[in-house]
């Protein structure tokens, strides 16, 4: 099973690395990082680079595609070559998936029209502009399309996919292997539970999450 992990400038690293850590452990899985151009791709922090060992033209029939989000996702929403590649591989892929604002990229490519989908809580409603139906859930699966909410939700997405692909026991074994047992020190991971001043700060500074 070939898993295409999409890279582009200023993507959020955990959006793609989280799912990679889970999905690369599936039996007979071959995960490949791919981008428009081979080579290192700078993540959104400006300090971390991931390497695309292939370009899009070399990955023509992946079984599973993961599209990450990032604060500069607006550039990717308007990226015709990326959209063309996504539409081309969609024809034969078993799973088309996204993490965080990556769902806006899938939606802009026309792949989520008429489908329920999720994204980072600050931008979920933007999915409507592309014909998708926003859902405030951590993971949304509709047929062979699966979307995850913000950043860390990519791990939940990957475990959900692992269970569907290889069975719950395999997914649970992977979860235990990576010791994914989140116990955050604060109940601030959702706008419903975070302090109002924290929610207000992010709403006043949307560029920290996504460009306009």
C-alpha atoms as a PDB file:
ATOM      1  CA  UNK A   1       0.000   0.000   0.000  1.00  0.00           C
ATOM      2  CA  UNK A   2       1.531   3.289  -1.099  1.00  0.00           C
ATOM      3  CA  UNK A   3       0.799   6.272   1.136  1.00  0.00           C
ATOM      4  CA  UNK A   4       1.468   9.706  -0.379  1.00  0.00           C
ATOM      5  CA  UNK A   5       2.332  12.277   2.277  1.00  0.00           C
ATOM      6  CA  UNK A   6       1.959  15.691   0.629  1.00  0.00           C
ATOM      7  CA  UNK A   7       4.441  18.468   1.402  1.00  0.00           C
ATOM      8  CA  UNK A   8       4.359  22.149   0.453  1.00  0.00           C
ATOM      9  CA  UNK A   9       6.070  25.299   1.772  1.00  0.00           C
ATOM     10  CA  UNK A  10       4.976  26.337   5.281  1.00  0.00           C
ATOM     11  CA  UNK A  11       2.789  23.316   5.949  1.00  0.00           C
ATOM     12  CA  UNK A  12       2.410  22.465   9.634  1.00  0.00           C
ATOM     13  CA  UNK A  13       4.851  19.630  10.334  1.00  0.00           C
ATOM     14  CA  UNK A  14       2.733  17.725  12.864  1.00  0.00           C
ATOM     15  CA  UNK A  15      -0.157  17.635  10.383  1.00  0.00           C
ATOM     16  CA  UNK A  16       1.878  15.233   8.257  1.00  0.00           C
ATOM     17  CA  UNK A  17       4.354  13.726  10.730  1.00  0.00           C
ATOM     18  CA  UNK A  18       1.600  12.616  13.145  1.00  0.00           C
ATOM     19  CA  UNK A  19      -0.242  10.556  10.505  1.00  0.00           C
ATOM     20  CA  UNK A  20       3.108   9.312   9.146  1.00  0.00           C
ATOM     21  CA  UNK A  21       4.074   7.861  12.535  1.00  0.00           C
ATOM     22  CA  UNK A  22       0.859   5.817  12.548  1.00  0.00           C
ATOM     23  CA  UNK A  23       0.289   4.910   8.909  1.00  0.00           C
ATOM     24  CA  UNK A  24       3.902   3.977   8.156  1.00  0.00           C
ATOM     25  CA  UNK A  25       3.533   1.173  10.714  1.00  0.00           C
ATOM     26  CA  UNK A  26       0.694  -0.530   8.840  1.00  0.00           C
ATOM     27  CA  UNK A  27       1.527  -3.951   7.360  1.00  0.00           C
ATOM     28  CA  UNK A  28       2.929  -3.671   3.819  1.00  0.00           C
ATOM     29  CA  UNK A  29       2.773   0.132   3.936  1.00  0.00           C
ATOM     30  CA  UNK A  30       5.177   2.288   1.960  1.00  0.00           C
ATOM     31  CA  UNK A  31       4.939   5.951   2.917  1.00  0.00           C
ATOM     32  CA  UNK A  32       6.472   8.475   0.540  1.00  0.00           C
ATOM     33  CA  UNK A  33       6.831  12.224   1.015  1.00  0.00           C
ATOM     34  CA  UNK A  34       5.962  14.034  -2.193  1.00  0.00           C
ATOM     35  CA  UNK A  35       5.808  17.644  -3.343  1.00  0.00           C
ATOM     36  CA  UNK A  36       5.683  19.701  -6.508  1.00  0.00           C
ATOM     37  CA  UNK A  37       9.483  19.632  -6.563  1.00  0.00           C
ATOM     38  CA  UNK A  38      11.859  17.098  -5.017  1.00  0.00           C
ATOM     39  CA  UNK A  39      13.980  18.187  -2.083  1.00  0.00           C
ATOM     40  CA  UNK A  40      13.651  19.870   1.326  1.00  0.00           C
ATOM     41  CA  UNK A  41      10.419  21.696   2.125  1.00  0.00           C
ATOM     42  CA  UNK A  42      10.358  24.321   4.881  1.00  0.00           C
ATOM     43  CA  UNK A  43       7.644  23.951   7.506  1.00  0.00           C
ATOM     44  CA  UNK A  44       5.686  26.838   8.976  1.00  0.00           C
ATOM     45  CA  UNK A  45       8.012  27.458  11.914  1.00  0.00           C
ATOM     46  CA  UNK A  46      10.853  28.340   9.561  1.00  0.00           C
ATOM     47  CA  UNK A  47      13.219  26.017  11.435  1.00  0.00           C
ATOM     48  CA  UNK A  48      12.259  22.531  10.247  1.00  0.00           C
ATOM     49  CA  UNK A  49      12.544  20.965   6.804  1.00  0.00           C
ATOM     50  CA  UNK A  50      10.996  17.725   5.584  1.00  0.00           C
ATOM     51  CA  UNK A  51      12.362  16.120   2.442  1.00  0.00           C
ATOM     52  CA  UNK A  52      10.231  15.181  -0.558  1.00  0.00           C
ATOM     53  CA  UNK A  53      11.933  12.188  -2.133  1.00  0.00           C
ATOM     54  CA  UNK A  54       9.639  12.352  -5.157  1.00  0.00           C
ATOM     55  CA  UNK A  55       7.649  14.933  -7.066  1.00  0.00           C
ATOM     56  CA  UNK A  56       3.982  14.641  -7.961  1.00  0.00           C
ATOM     57  CA  UNK A  57       4.706  13.291 -11.450  1.00  0.00           C
ATOM     58  CA  UNK A  58       6.374  10.248  -9.877  1.00  0.00           C
ATOM     59  CA  UNK A  59       3.394   9.362  -7.691  1.00  0.00           C
ATOM     60  CA  UNK A  60       0.567   8.447 -10.044  1.00  0.00           C
ATOM     61  CA  UNK A  61      -1.486   5.839  -8.198  1.00  0.00           C
ATOM     62  CA  UNK A  62      -1.182   6.062  -4.406  1.00  0.00           C
ATOM     63  CA  UNK A  63      -3.586   4.043  -2.302  1.00  0.00           C
ATOM     64  CA  UNK A  64      -3.852   6.726   0.377  1.00  0.00           C
ATOM     65  CA  UNK A  65      -3.188  10.467   0.250  1.00  0.00           C
ATOM     66  CA  UNK A  66      -2.668  12.737   3.263  1.00  0.00           C
ATOM     67  CA  UNK A  67      -2.845  16.521   2.752  1.00  0.00           C
ATOM     68  CA  UNK A  68      -1.634  18.659   5.672  1.00  0.00           C
ATOM     69  CA  UNK A  69      -2.695  22.169   6.556  1.00  0.00           C
ATOM     70  CA  UNK A  70      -0.689  25.259   7.381  1.00  0.00           C
ATOM     71  CA  UNK A  71      -1.014  29.009   7.983  1.00  0.00           C
ATOM     72  CA  UNK A  72      -0.320  29.788   4.315  1.00  0.00           C
ATOM     73  CA  UNK A  73      -2.927  27.354   3.047  1.00  0.00           C
ATOM     74  CA  UNK A  74      -4.496  30.122   0.954  1.00  0.00           C
ATOM     75  CA  UNK A  75      -1.608  29.730  -1.495  1.00  0.00           C
ATOM     76  CA  UNK A  76      -2.330  26.017  -1.766  1.00  0.00           C
ATOM     77  CA  UNK A  77      -6.054  26.607  -2.178  1.00  0.00           C
ATOM     78  CA  UNK A  78      -5.129  28.500  -5.360  1.00  0.00           C
ATOM     79  CA  UNK A  79      -2.458  26.009  -6.480  1.00  0.00           C
ATOM     80  CA  UNK A  80      -3.679  24.578  -9.781  1.00  0.00           C
ATOM     81  CA  UNK A  81      -0.880  21.970 -10.199  1.00  0.00           C
ATOM     82  CA  UNK A  82      -1.546  20.535  -6.737  1.00  0.00           C
ATOM     83  CA  UNK A  83      -5.274  20.429  -7.447  1.00  0.00           C
ATOM     84  CA  UNK A  84      -4.701  18.725 -10.789  1.00  0.00           C
ATOM     85  CA  UNK A  85      -2.562  16.075  -9.122  1.00  0.00           C
ATOM     86  CA  UNK A  86      -5.121  15.526  -6.358  1.00  0.00           C
ATOM     87  CA  UNK A  87      -7.924  15.095  -8.880  1.00  0.00           C
ATOM     88  CA  UNK A  88      -5.787  12.735 -10.966  1.00  0.00           C
ATOM     89  CA  UNK A  89      -4.857  10.429  -8.088  1.00  0.00           C
ATOM     90  CA  UNK A  90      -8.349  10.634  -6.606  1.00  0.00           C
ATOM     91  CA  UNK A  91      -9.594   8.484  -9.460  1.00  0.00           C
ATOM     92  CA  UNK A  92      -7.713   5.432  -8.203  1.00  0.00           C
ATOM     93  CA  UNK A  93      -7.046   6.110  -4.528  1.00  0.00           C
ATOM     94  CA  UNK A  94      -8.735   4.113  -1.803  1.00  0.00           C
ATOM     95  CA  UNK A  95      -8.494   7.000   0.658  1.00  0.00           C
ATOM     96  CA  UNK A  96      -8.222  10.768   0.184  1.00  0.00           C
ATOM     97  CA  UNK A  97      -7.578  12.474   3.515  1.00  0.00           C
ATOM     98  CA  UNK A  98      -6.573  15.763   5.098  1.00  0.00           C
ATOM     99  CA  UNK A  99      -5.527  17.240   8.415  1.00  0.00           C
ATOM    100  CA  UNK A 100      -6.459  20.678   9.751  1.00  0.00           C
ATOM    101  CA  UNK A 101      -6.731  23.306   6.987  1.00  0.00           C
ATOM    102  CA  UNK A 102      -5.671  20.672   4.478  1.00  0.00           C
ATOM    103  CA  UNK A 103      -9.383  20.026   4.014  1.00  0.00           C
ATOM    104  CA  UNK A 104      -9.637  23.459   2.376  1.00  0.00           C
ATOM    105  CA  UNK A 105      -7.138  22.231  -0.223  1.00  0.00           C
ATOM    106  CA  UNK A 106      -9.123  19.056  -0.894  1.00  0.00           C
ATOM    107  CA  UNK A 107     -12.296  21.105  -1.054  1.00  0.00           C
ATOM    108  CA  UNK A 108     -10.795  23.702  -3.397  1.00  0.00           C
ATOM    109  CA  UNK A 109      -9.791  20.845  -5.698  1.00  0.00           C
ATOM    110  CA  UNK A 110     -13.473  19.894  -5.861  1.00  0.00           C
ATOM    111  CA  UNK A 111     -13.148  16.634  -3.952  1.00  0.00           C
ATOM    112  CA  UNK A 112     -15.377  17.446  -0.986  1.00  0.00           C
ATOM    113  CA  UNK A 113     -18.343  18.932  -2.798  1.00  0.00           C
ATOM    114  CA  UNK A 114     -21.555  17.760  -1.148  1.00  0.00           C
ATOM    115  CA  UNK A 115     -19.608  15.926   1.582  1.00  0.00           C
ATOM    116  CA  UNK A 116     -19.398  16.492   5.331  1.00  0.00           C
ATOM    117  CA  UNK A 117     -15.906  17.566   6.373  1.00  0.00           C
ATOM    118  CA  UNK A 118     -14.037  19.132   9.243  1.00  0.00           C
ATOM    119  CA  UNK A 119     -11.023  21.403   9.670  1.00  0.00           C
ATOM    120  CA  UNK A 120      -9.408  23.625  12.278  1.00  0.00           C
ATOM    121  CA  UNK A 121     -12.202  25.165  14.350  1.00  0.00           C
ATOM    122  CA  UNK A 122     -11.309  28.686  13.217  1.00  0.00           C
ATOM    123  CA  UNK A 123     -11.828  27.940   9.525  1.00  0.00           C
ATOM    124  CA  UNK A 124     -14.338  25.096   9.363  1.00  0.00           C
ATOM    125  CA  UNK A 125     -17.051  27.367   7.981  1.00  0.00           C
ATOM    126  CA  UNK A 126     -14.826  28.250   5.009  1.00  0.00           C
ATOM    127  CA  UNK A 127     -15.539  24.763   3.652  1.00  0.00           C
ATOM    128  CA  UNK A 128     -18.991  25.981   2.588  1.00  0.00           C
ATOM    129  CA  UNK A 129     -17.434  28.174  -0.086  1.00  0.00           C
ATOM    130  CA  UNK A 130     -16.266  24.989  -1.834  1.00  0.00           C
ATOM    131  CA  UNK A 131     -19.531  23.101  -1.536  1.00  0.00           C
ATOM    132  CA  UNK A 132     -18.616  20.989   1.481  1.00  0.00           C
ATOM    133  CA  UNK A 133     -20.730  20.684   4.632  1.00  0.00           C
ATOM    134  CA  UNK A 134     -18.781  21.793   7.737  1.00  0.00           C
ATOM    135  CA  UNK A 135     -18.914  19.440  10.722  1.00  0.00           C
ATOM    136  CA  UNK A 136     -17.453  20.231  14.139  1.00  0.00           C
ATOM    137  CA  UNK A 137     -15.987  16.800  14.829  1.00  0.00           C
ATOM    138  CA  UNK A 138     -12.420  15.657  15.414  1.00  0.00           C
ATOM    139  CA  UNK A 139     -12.530  13.131  12.557  1.00  0.00           C
ATOM    140  CA  UNK A 140     -15.109  12.901   9.779  1.00  0.00           C
ATOM    141  CA  UNK A 141     -15.278   9.932   7.393  1.00  0.00           C
ATOM    142  CA  UNK A 142     -17.529  10.024   4.353  1.00  0.00           C
ATOM    143  CA  UNK A 143     -17.009   7.068   2.064  1.00  0.00           C
ATOM    144  CA  UNK A 144     -13.345   7.100   1.069  1.00  0.00           C
ATOM    145  CA  UNK A 145     -12.822  10.719   2.110  1.00  0.00           C
ATOM    146  CA  UNK A 146     -11.643  11.460   5.643  1.00  0.00           C
ATOM    147  CA  UNK A 147     -10.830  14.799   7.241  1.00  0.00           C
ATOM    148  CA  UNK A 148      -9.393  15.703  10.634  1.00  0.00           C
ATOM    149  CA  UNK A 149      -9.726  18.816  12.750  1.00  0.00           C
ATOM    150  CA  UNK A 150      -6.714  20.862  13.853  1.00  0.00           C
ATOM    151  CA  UNK A 151      -3.120  19.582  13.837  1.00  0.00           C
ATOM    152  CA  UNK A 152      -3.027  16.908  16.572  1.00  0.00           C
ATOM    153  CA  UNK A 153      -6.285  15.427  15.263  1.00  0.00           C
ATOM    154  CA  UNK A 154      -4.203  13.963  12.443  1.00  0.00           C
ATOM    155  CA  UNK A 155      -3.102  11.197  14.816  1.00  0.00           C
ATOM    156  CA  UNK A 156      -6.738  10.347  15.558  1.00  0.00           C
ATOM    157  CA  UNK A 157      -7.449  10.343  11.828  1.00  0.00           C
ATOM    158  CA  UNK A 158      -4.549   7.981  11.173  1.00  0.00           C
ATOM    159  CA  UNK A 159      -5.628   5.564  13.899  1.00  0.00           C
ATOM    160  CA  UNK A 160      -9.172   5.626  12.518  1.00  0.00           C
ATOM    161  CA  UNK A 161      -7.826   4.765   9.075  1.00  0.00           C
ATOM    162  CA  UNK A 162      -5.512   2.091  10.496  1.00  0.00           C
ATOM    163  CA  UNK A 163      -8.491   0.354  12.091  1.00  0.00           C
ATOM    164  CA  UNK A 164     -10.469   0.435   8.847  1.00  0.00           C
ATOM    165  CA  UNK A 165      -7.542  -0.746   6.757  1.00  0.00           C
ATOM    166  CA  UNK A 166      -5.963  -3.374   8.994  1.00  0.00           C
ATOM    167  CA  UNK A 167      -8.440  -3.888  11.834  1.00  0.00           C
ATOM    168  CA  UNK A 168      -8.859  -2.518  15.374  1.00  0.00           C
ATOM    169  CA  UNK A 169      -6.205  -4.798  16.883  1.00  0.00           C
ATOM    170  CA  UNK A 170      -3.528  -3.489  14.531  1.00  0.00           C
ATOM    171  CA  UNK A 171      -4.617   0.105  15.179  1.00  0.00           C
ATOM    172  CA  UNK A 172      -4.509  -0.437  18.922  1.00  0.00           C
ATOM    173  CA  UNK A 173      -1.084  -2.053  18.672  1.00  0.00           C
ATOM    174  CA  UNK A 174       0.201   1.000  16.795  1.00  0.00           C
ATOM    175  CA  UNK A 175      -1.401   3.309  19.360  1.00  0.00           C
ATOM    176  CA  UNK A 176       0.352   1.474  22.163  1.00  0.00           C
ATOM    177  CA  UNK A 177       3.650   1.379  20.238  1.00  0.00           C
ATOM    178  CA  UNK A 178       3.684   5.163  19.923  1.00  0.00           C
ATOM    179  CA  UNK A 179       2.194   5.474  23.443  1.00  0.00           C
ATOM    180  CA  UNK A 180      -0.548   7.781  22.259  1.00  0.00           C
ATOM    181  CA  UNK A 181      -2.296   8.359  25.579  1.00  0.00           C
ATOM    182  CA  UNK A 182      -2.903  12.119  25.623  1.00  0.00           C
ATOM    183  CA  UNK A 183      -3.322  13.738  29.011  1.00  0.00           C
ATOM    184  CA  UNK A 184      -2.768  17.457  28.361  1.00  0.00           C
ATOM    185  CA  UNK A 185      -1.956  19.710  31.292  1.00  0.00           C
ATOM    186  CA  UNK A 186      -4.747  22.113  30.315  1.00  0.00           C
ATOM    187  CA  UNK A 187      -8.319  21.754  29.073  1.00  0.00           C
ATOM    188  CA  UNK A 188      -7.586  24.302  26.348  1.00  0.00           C
ATOM    189  CA  UNK A 189      -7.666  22.098  23.270  1.00  0.00           C
ATOM    190  CA  UNK A 190     -11.133  23.178  22.191  1.00  0.00           C
ATOM    191  CA  UNK A 191     -12.855  26.571  21.975  1.00  0.00           C
ATOM    192  CA  UNK A 192     -15.594  25.062  24.124  1.00  0.00           C
ATOM    193  CA  UNK A 193     -13.223  24.431  27.033  1.00  0.00           C
ATOM    194  CA  UNK A 194     -10.373  26.940  26.615  1.00  0.00           C
ATOM    195  CA  UNK A 195     -10.433  30.156  28.677  1.00  0.00           C
ATOM    196  CA  UNK A 196     -12.383  32.913  26.881  1.00  0.00           C
ATOM    197  CA  UNK A 197      -9.328  35.192  26.793  1.00  0.00           C
ATOM    198  CA  UNK A 198      -7.334  32.481  24.985  1.00  0.00           C
ATOM    199  CA  UNK A 199     -10.108  31.925  22.455  1.00  0.00           C
ATOM    200  CA  UNK A 200     -10.405  35.673  21.999  1.00  0.00           C
ATOM    201  CA  UNK A 201      -6.680  36.069  21.406  1.00  0.00           C
ATOM    202  CA  UNK A 202      -6.676  33.481  18.618  1.00  0.00           C
ATOM    203  CA  UNK A 203      -9.772  34.971  17.028  1.00  0.00           C
ATOM    204  CA  UNK A 204      -8.055  38.369  17.057  1.00  0.00           C
ATOM    205  CA  UNK A 205      -4.905  36.869  15.529  1.00  0.00           C
ATOM    206  CA  UNK A 206      -6.149  34.457  12.863  1.00  0.00           C
ATOM    207  CA  UNK A 207      -2.848  34.594  10.967  1.00  0.00           C
ATOM    208  CA  UNK A 208      -1.432  32.306  13.646  1.00  0.00           C
ATOM    209  CA  UNK A 209      -3.698  29.612  12.217  1.00  0.00           C
ATOM    210  CA  UNK A 210      -4.399  30.486   8.593  1.00  0.00           C
ATOM    211  CA  UNK A 211      -3.869  33.336   6.165  1.00  0.00           C
ATOM    212  CA  UNK A 212      -6.860  35.163   4.762  1.00  0.00           C
END
